[in-house]
C-alpha cells in the first residue's frame, strides 16, 4: 500500500490501559498504532460509503446512510 501524499493529525483521548494494550497488540503484528488506526478508519469509510477507498476519490457525506444506531 502506497503512503498517501498528505497527512493530517488526529488527536484521540483514550483510557491509558486501552492505549497500552492497543500498542502491545500493534507491536505483536509488527504494525505501528498509526498504521492500525489508518486501516480502521479506511475500513469504516468503506463500510459507510459502500465503496472502496481511493485517495483520489472526492469526499462525500455518508449522512443519508443509517449510522450504527440505526
Protein backbone atom coordinates (compact mmCIF):
# COMPACT_ATOMS: atom_id res chain seq x y z
CA UNK A 1 0.00 0.00 0.00
CA UNK A 2 1.43 3.36 -1.02
CA UNK A 3 1.66 6.14 1.52
CA UNK A 4 -0.74 8.97 0.99
CA UNK A 5 0.83 12.20 -0.19
CA UNK A 6 -0.54 14.46 2.53
CA UNK A 7 -1.24 13.83 6.17
CA UNK A 8 -3.27 15.47 8.92
CA UNK A 9 -3.06 14.93 12.65
CA UNK A 10 -5.94 13.37 14.60
CA UNK A 11 -5.77 13.51 18.39
CA UNK A 12 -7.74 10.88 20.26
CA UNK A 13 -8.09 10.69 24.03
CA UNK A 14 -8.41 7.15 25.40
CA UNK A 15 -8.00 5.31 28.65
CA UNK A 16 -4.29 4.71 29.37
CA UNK A 17 -4.88 0.98 29.87
CA UNK A 18 -6.54 0.70 26.45
CA UNK A 19 -3.65 2.62 24.90
CA UNK A 20 -1.10 0.29 26.48
CA UNK A 21 -2.91 -2.83 25.31
CA UNK A 22 -3.50 -1.36 21.84
CA UNK A 23 0.19 -0.52 21.45
CA UNK A 24 1.18 -4.01 22.59
CA UNK A 25 -1.23 -5.67 20.15
CA UNK A 26 0.02 -3.45 17.31
CA UNK A 27 3.61 -4.45 18.11
CA UNK A 28 2.62 -8.13 18.02
CA UNK A 29 1.52 -7.70 14.40
CA UNK A 30 4.59 -5.57 13.61
CA UNK A 31 2.46 -2.51 12.89
CA UNK A 32 2.54 0.97 14.34
CA UNK A 33 -0.55 2.31 16.11
CA UNK A 34 -0.86 4.90 13.33
CA UNK A 35 -0.94 2.17 10.66
CA UNK A 36 -3.66 0.29 12.52
CA UNK A 37 -5.75 3.42 13.11
CA UNK A 38 -5.46 4.38 9.42
CA UNK A 39 -6.59 0.86 8.49
CA UNK A 40 -9.54 1.07 10.90
CA UNK A 41 -10.57 4.47 9.51
CA UNK A 42 -10.27 3.26 5.91
CA UNK A 43 -12.45 0.22 6.73
CA UNK A 44 -15.02 2.45 8.45
CA UNK A 45 -15.16 4.79 5.44
CA UNK A 46 -15.62 1.86 3.05
CA UNK A 47 -18.39 0.37 5.20
CA UNK A 48 -20.23 3.69 5.48
CA UNK A 49 -19.92 4.69 1.83
CA UNK A 50 -20.23 1.20 0.36
CA UNK A 51 -17.27 1.96 -1.90
CA UNK A 52 -13.59 1.07 -1.78
CA UNK A 53 -11.39 3.90 -0.54
CA UNK A 54 -9.12 5.61 -3.02
CA UNK A 55 -7.03 8.66 -2.21
CA UNK A 56 -8.27 10.29 -5.41
CA UNK A 57 -11.98 9.85 -4.59
CA UNK A 58 -13.91 13.03 -3.79
CA UNK A 59 -15.04 13.34 -0.18
CA UNK A 60 -18.79 12.84 0.07
CA UNK A 61 -21.05 12.79 3.07
CA UNK A 62 -22.49 9.44 4.11
CA UNK A 63 -25.17 11.20 6.16
CA UNK A 64 -28.02 9.59 4.18
CA UNK A 65 -26.89 6.14 5.26
CA UNK A 66 -28.03 4.90 8.66
CA UNK A 67 -25.40 5.01 11.36
CA UNK A 68 -24.57 2.30 13.87
CA UNK A 69 -27.54 3.34 15.98
CA UNK A 70 -30.00 2.92 13.15
